[in-house]
Amino acid sequence: MQFQLVDQIIDLASPKSIRAAKNLSLGEEYLADHFPAFPVMPGVLMLEALVQSAAWLVRVADDFAHSMIVLRELKSVKYGSFVEPGKQLLLTVDLAEEYSRDAKTLMYKGVGEVEGVSAVTARFAVERYNLQDRDAALADVDIQLVNHYRGLYRTLRPHCQRT
């Protein structure tokens, strides 16, 4: 199962920062189990929303050059308030080190807030690569994934301020 945890890209200052949003609805499949009497967004999915936000920043900065952007390292995770159905998790991710097109990994710091109150903060690294770098037979899969992400990006950023 794959979760799309970024519903909107609010603004993006490539390659330095991104603001995005996740609108939590009661229709989220995982809320049936977490927790039935008190549905809240699991902490691991709040972290994943930060990582997905960073991935959009990387994709735009690199002009969608990589099909894979994955979590490599996680540090200093802190949780604050709950994210309940009907609330919006506002995600802010900033580059924590100098950006380099040649670096395999990039370090970020992220904050997820609900109505101005911190729900999650973390420092994390993402790794970027193409599947064909590991197996040349997967070059077509890279192309399909990049095209998918390009299309999804157009949907997520209709009113995004891009600088």
N, C-alpha and C. Protein backbone atom coordinates (compact mmCIF):
# COMPACT_ATOMS: atom_id res chain seq x y z
N MET A 1 0.84 -1.17 0.00
CA MET A 1 0.00 0.00 0.00
C MET A 1 0.89 1.24 0.00
N GLN A 2 0.56 2.19 -0.83
CA GLN A 2 1.32 3.43 -0.90
C GLN A 2 0.42 4.59 -0.52
N PHE A 3 0.91 5.49 0.30
CA PHE A 3 0.15 6.64 0.74
C PHE A 3 0.68 7.89 0.06
N GLN A 4 -0.21 8.67 -0.53
CA GLN A 4 0.13 9.98 -1.06
C GLN A 4 -0.20 10.96 0.06
N LEU A 5 0.82 11.48 0.75
CA LEU A 5 0.60 12.27 1.94
C LEU A 5 0.81 13.76 1.75
N VAL A 6 0.97 14.20 0.52
CA VAL A 6 1.02 15.62 0.21
C VAL A 6 -0.17 15.90 -0.70
N ASP A 7 -1.09 16.73 -0.20
CA ASP A 7 -2.28 17.07 -0.97
C ASP A 7 -2.11 18.34 -1.79
N GLN A 8 -1.20 19.20 -1.36
CA GLN A 8 -1.02 20.48 -2.05
C GLN A 8 0.38 21.01 -1.77
N ILE A 9 1.01 21.55 -2.79
CA ILE A 9 2.26 22.28 -2.61
C ILE A 9 1.89 23.76 -2.60
N ILE A 10 2.13 24.39 -1.46
CA ILE A 10 1.71 25.78 -1.27
C ILE A 10 2.72 26.74 -1.86
N ASP A 11 3.99 26.56 -1.52
CA ASP A 11 5.04 27.34 -2.18
C ASP A 11 6.35 26.57 -2.13
N LEU A 12 7.22 26.96 -3.04
CA LEU A 12 8.45 26.22 -3.24
C LEU A 12 9.54 27.20 -3.65
N ALA A 13 10.63 27.19 -2.92
CA ALA A 13 11.80 28.02 -3.26
C ALA A 13 12.94 27.05 -3.55
N SER A 14 13.02 26.61 -4.78
CA SER A 14 13.97 25.59 -5.19
C SER A 14 15.39 26.13 -5.17
N PRO A 15 16.34 25.38 -4.62
CA PRO A 15 16.28 24.07 -3.98
C PRO A 15 16.20 24.15 -2.46
N LYS A 16 15.85 25.30 -1.91
CA LYS A 16 16.01 25.55 -0.47
C LYS A 16 14.84 25.14 0.42
N SER A 17 13.59 25.38 0.01
CA SER A 17 12.48 25.11 0.92
C SER A 17 11.18 24.84 0.18
N ILE A 18 10.27 24.21 0.91
CA ILE A 18 8.95 23.90 0.38
C ILE A 18 7.95 23.98 1.52
N ARG A 19 6.75 24.44 1.20
CA ARG A 19 5.62 24.38 2.11
C ARG A 19 4.53 23.59 1.42
N ALA A 20 4.01 22.60 2.12
CA ALA A 20 2.99 21.73 1.55
C ALA A 20 1.94 21.45 2.62
N ALA A 21 0.87 20.79 2.21
CA ALA A 21 -0.22 20.51 3.15
C ALA A 21 -0.75 19.10 2.96
N LYS A 22 -1.13 18.51 4.08
CA LYS A 22 -1.85 17.24 4.10
C LYS A 22 -3.15 17.49 4.84
N ASN A 23 -4.27 17.29 4.15
CA ASN A 23 -5.59 17.45 4.75
C ASN A 23 -6.06 16.08 5.22
N LEU A 24 -6.22 15.91 6.52
CA LEU A 24 -6.59 14.61 7.05
C LEU A 24 -8.12 14.48 7.08
N SER A 25 -8.61 13.46 6.39
CA SER A 25 -10.05 13.20 6.40
C SER A 25 -10.32 11.88 7.10
N LEU A 26 -11.54 11.71 7.55
CA LEU A 26 -11.91 10.47 8.22
C LEU A 26 -11.88 9.29 7.26
N GLY A 27 -11.84 9.57 5.96
CA GLY A 27 -11.79 8.52 4.94
C GLY A 27 -10.42 7.88 4.77
N GLU A 28 -9.40 8.37 5.48
CA GLU A 28 -8.07 7.78 5.37
C GLU A 28 -8.14 6.34 5.89
N GLU A 29 -7.74 5.40 5.06
CA GLU A 29 -7.88 3.98 5.37
C GLU A 29 -7.24 3.57 6.69
N TYR A 30 -6.08 4.09 6.99
CA TYR A 30 -5.34 3.69 8.19
C TYR A 30 -6.01 4.15 9.48
N LEU A 31 -6.91 5.13 9.42
CA LEU A 31 -7.56 5.61 10.64
C LEU A 31 -8.50 4.58 11.26
N ALA A 32 -8.95 3.61 10.46
CA ALA A 32 -9.81 2.55 11.00
C ALA A 32 -9.09 1.74 12.07
N ASP A 33 -7.77 1.67 11.97
CA ASP A 33 -6.97 0.91 12.93
C ASP A 33 -6.20 1.79 13.91
N HIS A 34 -6.11 3.08 13.65
CA HIS A 34 -5.24 3.96 14.46
C HIS A 34 -5.99 5.21 14.89
N PHE A 35 -6.69 5.28 15.80
CA PHE A 35 -7.27 4.28 16.67
C PHE A 35 -8.78 4.39 16.47
N PRO A 36 -9.53 3.30 16.44
CA PRO A 36 -10.95 3.37 16.11
C PRO A 36 -11.75 4.36 16.98
N ALA A 37 -11.48 4.41 18.27
CA ALA A 37 -12.21 5.31 19.16
C ALA A 37 -11.61 6.72 19.20
N PHE A 38 -10.38 6.87 18.73
CA PHE A 38 -9.68 8.17 18.75
C PHE A 38 -8.78 8.24 17.52
N PRO A 39 -9.38 8.46 16.32
CA PRO A 39 -8.58 8.42 15.11
C PRO A 39 -7.60 9.60 15.01
N VAL A 40 -6.32 9.29 14.87
CA VAL A 40 -5.28 10.30 14.67
C VAL A 40 -4.27 9.77 13.66
N MET A 41 -3.61 10.68 12.99
CA MET A 41 -2.59 10.32 12.02
C MET A 41 -1.39 9.70 12.74
N PRO A 42 -0.97 8.50 12.34
CA PRO A 42 0.19 7.89 12.98
C PRO A 42 1.45 8.76 12.82
N GLY A 43 2.29 8.76 13.84
CA GLY A 43 3.51 9.56 13.79
C GLY A 43 4.41 9.21 12.62
N VAL A 44 4.50 7.94 12.29
CA VAL A 44 5.35 7.53 11.18
C VAL A 44 4.84 8.12 9.86
N LEU A 45 3.54 8.31 9.73
CA LEU A 45 3.00 8.91 8.50
C LEU A 45 3.21 10.43 8.48
N MET A 46 3.25 11.06 9.66
CA MET A 46 3.62 12.48 9.70
C MET A 46 5.05 12.64 9.18
N LEU A 47 5.95 11.74 9.63
CA LEU A 47 7.33 11.77 9.13
C LEU A 47 7.37 11.53 7.63
N GLU A 48 6.61 10.57 7.17
CA GLU A 48 6.57 10.27 5.74
C GLU A 48 6.08 11.48 4.94
N ALA A 49 5.14 12.24 5.49
CA ALA A 49 4.67 13.45 4.82
C ALA A 49 5.80 14.47 4.68
N LEU A 50 6.64 14.59 5.70
CA LEU A 50 7.80 15.48 5.60
C LEU A 50 8.76 14.99 4.53
N VAL A 51 9.02 13.69 4.50
CA VAL A 51 9.94 13.11 3.50
C VAL A 51 9.37 13.30 2.10
N GLN A 52 8.07 13.08 1.92
CA GLN A 52 7.46 13.27 0.61
C GLN A 52 7.54 14.74 0.18
N SER A 53 7.41 15.65 1.11
CA SER A 53 7.55 17.07 0.79
C SER A 53 8.97 17.36 0.30
N ALA A 54 9.96 16.83 1.02
CA ALA A 54 11.36 17.00 0.60
C ALA A 54 11.58 16.39 -0.78
N ALA A 55 10.96 15.26 -1.04
CA ALA A 55 11.12 14.61 -2.35
C ALA A 55 10.62 15.52 -3.46
N TRP A 56 9.51 16.24 -3.24
CA TRP A 56 9.04 17.17 -4.27
C TRP A 56 10.05 18.29 -4.48
N LEU A 57 10.65 18.75 -3.41
CA LEU A 57 11.67 19.80 -3.53
C LEU A 57 12.86 19.29 -4.34
N VAL A 58 13.30 18.08 -4.08
CA VAL A 58 14.41 17.48 -4.82
C VAL A 58 14.04 17.31 -6.30
N ARG A 59 12.85 16.79 -6.56
CA ARG A 59 12.43 16.58 -7.96
C ARG A 59 12.48 17.88 -8.75
N VAL A 60 11.94 18.95 -8.17
CA VAL A 60 11.92 20.23 -8.88
C VAL A 60 13.33 20.78 -9.04
N ALA A 61 14.13 20.72 -7.99
CA ALA A 61 15.51 21.24 -8.05
C ALA A 61 16.33 20.51 -9.10
N ASP A 62 16.08 19.21 -9.26
CA ASP A 62 16.84 18.38 -10.21
C ASP A 62 16.13 18.22 -11.55
N ASP A 63 15.06 18.96 -11.76
CA ASP A 63 14.26 18.84 -12.99
C ASP A 63 13.87 17.38 -13.25
N PHE A 64 13.40 16.72 -12.20
CA PHE A 64 12.90 15.35 -12.26
C PHE A 64 13.93 14.37 -12.84
N ALA A 65 15.17 14.55 -12.47
CA ALA A 65 16.25 13.71 -13.00
C ALA A 65 16.32 12.32 -12.35
N HIS A 66 15.67 12.16 -11.19
CA HIS A 66 15.76 10.89 -10.47
C HIS A 66 14.37 10.29 -10.25
N SER A 67 14.26 9.00 -10.49
CA SER A 67 12.97 8.33 -10.29
C SER A 67 12.74 7.95 -8.84
N MET A 68 13.81 7.79 -8.09
CA MET A 68 13.70 7.34 -6.70
C MET A 68 14.28 8.38 -5.75
N ILE A 69 13.49 8.76 -4.75
CA ILE A 69 13.95 9.64 -3.68
C ILE A 69 13.41 9.01 -2.40
N VAL A 70 14.32 8.49 -1.59
CA VAL A 70 13.93 7.69 -0.44
C VAL A 70 14.60 8.19 0.84
N LEU A 71 13.97 7.90 1.96
CA LEU A 71 14.53 8.25 3.26
C LEU A 71 15.80 7.44 3.50
N ARG A 72 16.86 8.13 3.88
CA ARG A 72 18.14 7.47 4.13
C ARG A 72 18.50 7.49 5.62
N GLU A 73 18.17 8.60 6.28
CA GLU A 73 18.57 8.77 7.68
C GLU A 73 17.56 9.67 8.38
N LEU A 74 17.34 9.41 9.65
CA LEU A 74 16.37 10.16 10.45
C LEU A 74 17.02 10.52 11.77
N LYS A 75 16.88 11.81 12.19
CA LYS A 75 17.48 12.28 13.43
C LYS A 75 16.51 13.22 14.15
N SER A 76 16.68 13.32 15.43
CA SER A 76 16.01 14.35 16.24
C SER A 76 14.50 14.44 15.99
N VAL A 77 13.81 13.32 16.00
CA VAL A 77 12.36 13.32 15.79
C VAL A 77 11.68 13.69 17.10
N LYS A 78 10.76 14.64 17.02
CA LYS A 78 9.97 15.03 18.19
C LYS A 78 8.52 15.17 17.76
N TYR A 79 7.63 14.66 18.60
CA TYR A 79 6.20 14.76 18.34
C TYR A 79 5.57 15.74 19.31
N GLY A 80 4.56 16.45 18.83
CA GLY A 80 3.82 17.40 19.65
C GLY A 80 2.36 17.04 19.67
N SER A 81 1.55 17.81 18.97
CA SER A 81 0.10 17.60 18.99
C SER A 81 -0.34 16.50 18.03
N PHE A 82 -1.58 16.04 18.22
CA PHE A 82 -2.18 15.04 17.34
C PHE A 82 -2.70 15.72 16.07
N VAL A 83 -2.81 14.92 15.01
CA VAL A 83 -3.46 15.38 13.78
C VAL A 83 -4.73 14.55 13.66
N GLU A 84 -5.87 15.21 13.81
CA GLU A 84 -7.16 14.55 13.80
C GLU A 84 -7.86 14.80 12.46
N PRO A 85 -8.82 13.93 12.11
CA PRO A 85 -9.60 14.16 10.88
C PRO A 85 -10.23 15.55 10.91
N GLY A 86 -10.23 16.19 9.76
CA GLY A 86 -10.75 17.55 9.64
C GLY A 86 -9.68 18.60 9.81
N LYS A 87 -8.48 18.21 10.20
CA LYS A 87 -7.37 19.15 10.40
C LYS A 87 -6.40 19.09 9.22
N GLN A 88 -5.61 20.14 9.10
CA GLN A 88 -4.59 20.20 8.05
C GLN A 88 -3.22 20.20 8.71
N LEU A 89 -2.36 19.31 8.22
CA LEU A 89 -0.97 19.27 8.65
C LEU A 89 -0.18 20.12 7.66
N LEU A 90 0.31 21.25 8.13
CA LEU A 90 1.11 22.15 7.29
C LEU A 90 2.56 21.74 7.42
N LEU A 91 3.17 21.40 6.29
CA LEU A 91 4.52 20.84 6.25
C LEU A 91 5.50 21.89 5.72
N THR A 92 6.56 22.13 6.46
CA THR A 92 7.62 23.05 6.03
C THR A 92 8.93 22.28 6.08
N VAL A 93 9.61 22.21 4.95
CA VAL A 93 10.88 21.49 4.86
C VAL A 93 11.93 22.43 4.28
N ASP A 94 13.06 22.51 4.96
CA ASP A 94 14.17 23.36 4.53
C ASP A 94 15.43 22.54 4.36
N LEU A 95 16.21 22.89 3.37
CA LEU A 95 17.51 22.28 3.14
C LEU A 95 18.40 22.61 4.33
N ALA A 96 19.03 21.62 4.93
CA ALA A 96 19.85 21.83 6.13
C ALA A 96 21.33 21.99 5.81
N GLU A 97 21.73 21.63 4.61
CA GLU A 97 23.13 21.76 4.18
C GLU A 97 23.15 22.37 2.79
N GLU A 98 24.31 22.71 2.32
CA GLU A 98 24.45 23.28 0.98
C GLU A 98 23.94 22.30 -0.07
N TYR A 99 23.16 22.79 -1.01
CA TYR A 99 22.63 21.95 -2.08
C TYR A 99 23.72 21.64 -3.10
N SER A 100 23.77 20.40 -3.52
CA SER A 100 24.69 19.98 -4.57
C SER A 100 23.98 19.02 -5.51
N ARG A 101 24.01 19.31 -6.78
CA ARG A 101 23.40 18.42 -7.78
C ARG A 101 24.09 17.06 -7.81
N ASP A 102 25.35 17.02 -7.40
CA ASP A 102 26.13 15.79 -7.47
C ASP A 102 26.03 14.92 -6.21
N ALA A 103 25.53 15.48 -5.14
CA ALA A 103 25.45 14.70 -3.89
C ALA A 103 24.40 13.60 -4.03
N LYS A 104 24.73 12.45 -3.50
CA LYS A 104 23.80 11.33 -3.53
C LYS A 104 22.69 11.52 -2.48
N THR A 105 23.07 12.08 -1.33
CA THR A 105 22.10 12.34 -0.26
C THR A 105 22.05 13.83 0.06
N LEU A 106 20.90 14.26 0.54
CA LEU A 106 20.69 15.64 0.93
C LEU A 106 20.04 15.66 2.31
N MET A 107 20.45 16.60 3.16
CA MET A 107 19.93 16.69 4.53
C MET A 107 18.90 17.81 4.63
N TYR A 108 17.80 17.52 5.33
CA TYR A 108 16.70 18.47 5.50
C TYR A 108 16.28 18.56 6.95
N LYS A 109 15.62 19.65 7.28
CA LYS A 109 14.92 19.77 8.56
C LYS A 109 13.47 20.09 8.23
N GLY A 110 12.58 19.44 8.95
CA GLY A 110 11.17 19.60 8.65
C GLY A 110 10.32 19.80 9.89
N VAL A 111 9.22 20.51 9.68
CA VAL A 111 8.25 20.76 10.75
C VAL A 111 6.86 20.53 10.18
N GLY A 112 6.04 19.81 10.93
CA GLY A 112 4.63 19.66 10.61
C GLY A 112 3.82 20.30 11.70
N GLU A 113 2.92 21.23 11.33
CA GLU A 113 2.13 21.96 12.31
C GLU A 113 0.64 21.83 12.02
N VAL A 114 -0.14 21.86 13.09
CA VAL A 114 -1.59 21.91 13.00
C VAL A 114 -2.04 23.16 13.73
N GLU A 115 -2.61 24.07 12.99
CA GLU A 115 -3.10 25.34 13.55
C GLU A 115 -2.02 26.04 14.37
N GLY A 116 -0.80 26.06 13.84
CA GLY A 116 0.31 26.76 14.47
C GLY A 116 1.01 26.01 15.59
N VAL A 117 0.54 24.81 15.90
CA VAL A 117 1.14 24.01 16.97
C VAL A 117 1.92 22.85 16.35
N SER A 118 3.14 22.65 16.81
CA SER A 118 3.99 21.60 16.25
C SER A 118 3.41 20.21 16.50
N ALA A 119 3.31 19.43 15.45
CA ALA A 119 2.89 18.03 15.54
C ALA A 119 4.09 17.10 15.39
N VAL A 120 5.07 17.52 14.58
CA VAL A 120 6.27 16.71 14.36
C VAL A 120 7.41 17.62 13.88
N THR A 121 8.61 17.33 14.35
CA THR A 121 9.82 17.96 13.82
C THR A 121 10.86 16.87 13.64
N ALA A 122 11.72 17.06 12.66
CA ALA A 122 12.76 16.06 12.41
C ALA A 122 13.84 16.65 11.51
N ARG A 123 15.01 16.04 11.61
CA ARG A 123 16.10 16.23 10.65
C ARG A 123 16.24 14.90 9.94
N PHE A 124 16.42 14.93 8.63
CA PHE A 124 16.49 13.68 7.89
C PHE A 124 17.26 13.87 6.58
N ALA A 125 17.74 12.76 6.07
CA ALA A 125 18.45 12.75 4.80
C ALA A 125 17.66 11.90 3.81
N VAL A 126 17.62 12.36 2.57
CA VAL A 126 17.03 11.56 1.50
C VAL A 126 18.13 11.21 0.50
N GLU A 127 17.96 10.05 -0.10
CA GLU A 127 18.89 9.60 -1.14
C GLU A 127 18.15 9.64 -2.46
N ARG A 128 18.83 10.05 -3.51
CA ARG A 128 18.22 10.12 -4.84
C ARG A 128 19.03 9.27 -5.81
N TYR A 129 18.30 8.55 -6.66
CA TYR A 129 18.96 7.69 -7.65
C TYR A 129 17.94 7.26 -8.69
N ASN A 130 18.42 6.60 -9.71
CA ASN A 130 17.58 5.98 -10.72
C ASN A 130 17.74 4.47 -10.62
N LEU A 131 16.67 3.78 -10.89
CA LEU A 131 16.71 2.32 -10.85
C LEU A 131 17.70 1.75 -11.86
N GLN A 132 17.83 2.41 -13.01
CA GLN A 132 18.74 1.90 -14.04
C GLN A 132 20.20 1.95 -13.60
N ASP A 133 20.50 2.76 -12.59
CA ASP A 133 21.87 2.79 -12.06
C ASP A 133 22.22 1.46 -11.39
N ARG A 134 21.21 0.75 -10.93
CA ARG A 134 21.40 -0.54 -10.25
C ARG A 134 21.11 -1.72 -11.16
N ASP A 135 20.26 -1.48 -12.18
CA ASP A 135 19.91 -2.53 -13.13
C ASP A 135 19.48 -1.85 -14.43
N ALA A 136 20.31 -1.94 -15.46
CA ALA A 136 20.05 -1.25 -16.73
C ALA A 136 18.70 -1.63 -17.35
N ALA A 137 18.19 -2.81 -17.03
CA ALA A 137 16.91 -3.26 -17.57
C ALA A 137 15.74 -2.45 -17.02
N LEU A 138 15.97 -1.64 -16.00
CA LEU A 138 14.89 -0.87 -15.38
C LEU A 138 14.79 0.57 -15.90
N ALA A 139 15.48 0.88 -16.97
CA ALA A 139 15.45 2.24 -17.52
C ALA A 139 14.04 2.68 -17.89
N ASP A 140 13.24 1.78 -18.44
CA ASP A 140 11.87 2.14 -18.81
C ASP A 140 11.02 2.43 -17.57
N VAL A 141 11.29 1.75 -16.49
CA VAL A 141 10.56 2.00 -15.24
C VAL A 141 10.90 3.40 -14.73
N ASP A 142 12.16 3.80 -14.83
CA ASP A 142 12.55 5.16 -14.46
C ASP A 142 11.74 6.18 -15.24
N ILE A 143 11.63 5.98 -16.53
CA ILE A 143 10.89 6.92 -17.39
C ILE A 143 9.42 6.99 -16.97
N GLN A 144 8.82 5.84 -16.71
CA GLN A 144 7.42 5.81 -16.29
C GLN A 144 7.22 6.53 -14.96
N LEU A 145 8.11 6.28 -14.01
CA LEU A 145 8.00 6.94 -12.71
C LEU A 145 8.17 8.45 -12.82
N VAL A 146 9.16 8.89 -13.56
CA VAL A 146 9.39 10.33 -13.73
C VAL A 146 8.17 10.98 -14.38
N ASN A 147 7.62 10.36 -15.40
CA ASN A 147 6.43 10.91 -16.05
C ASN A 147 5.25 10.97 -15.09
N HIS A 148 5.10 9.94 -14.27
CA HIS A 148 4.04 9.92 -13.26
C HIS A 148 4.21 11.09 -12.30
N TYR A 149 5.42 11.30 -11.79
CA TYR A 149 5.66 12.38 -10.83
C TYR A 149 5.51 13.76 -11.47
N ARG A 150 5.88 13.90 -12.71
CA ARG A 150 5.67 15.19 -13.40
C ARG A 150 4.18 15.52 -13.46
N GLY A 151 3.37 14.54 -13.81
CA GLY A 151 1.93 14.76 -13.88
C GLY A 151 1.32 15.06 -12.52
N LEU A 152 1.73 14.32 -11.51
CA LEU A 152 1.23 14.54 -10.16
C LEU A 152 1.64 15.91 -9.64
N TYR A 153 2.84 16.35 -9.97
CA TYR A 153 3.32 17.67 -9.55
C TYR A 153 2.42 18.77 -10.09
N ARG A 154 2.02 18.65 -11.34
CA ARG A 154 1.12 19.67 -11.93
C ARG A 154 -0.20 19.74 -11.17
N THR A 155 -0.66 18.62 -10.64
CA THR A 155 -1.89 18.58 -9.86
C THR A 155 -1.70 19.19 -8.47
N LEU A 156 -0.57 18.95 -7.85
CA LEU A 156 -0.34 19.38 -6.48
C LEU A 156 0.01 20.86 -6.34
N ARG A 157 0.43 21.50 -7.40
CA ARG A 157 0.92 22.87 -7.28
C ARG A 157 0.13 23.89 -8.11
N PRO A 158 -1.18 23.80 -8.23
CA PRO A 158 -1.89 24.73 -9.11
C PRO A 158 -1.71 26.20 -8.74
N HIS A 159 -1.59 26.51 -7.45
CA HIS A 159 -1.44 27.91 -7.03
C HIS A 159 -0.13 28.15 -6.30
N CYS A 160 0.82 27.27 -6.52
CA CYS A 160 2.10 27.34 -5.83
C CYS A 160 2.90 28.57 -6.26
N GLN A 161 3.52 29.21 -5.26
CA GLN A 161 4.46 30.28 -5.54
C GLN A 161 5.82 29.63 -5.72
N ARG A 162 6.37 29.68 -6.92
CA ARG A 162 7.65 29.02 -7.18
C ARG A 162 8.71 30.08 -7.44
N THR A 163 9.81 29.97 -6.70
CA THR A 163 10.91 30.91 -6.92
C THR A 163 12.19 30.16 -7.16
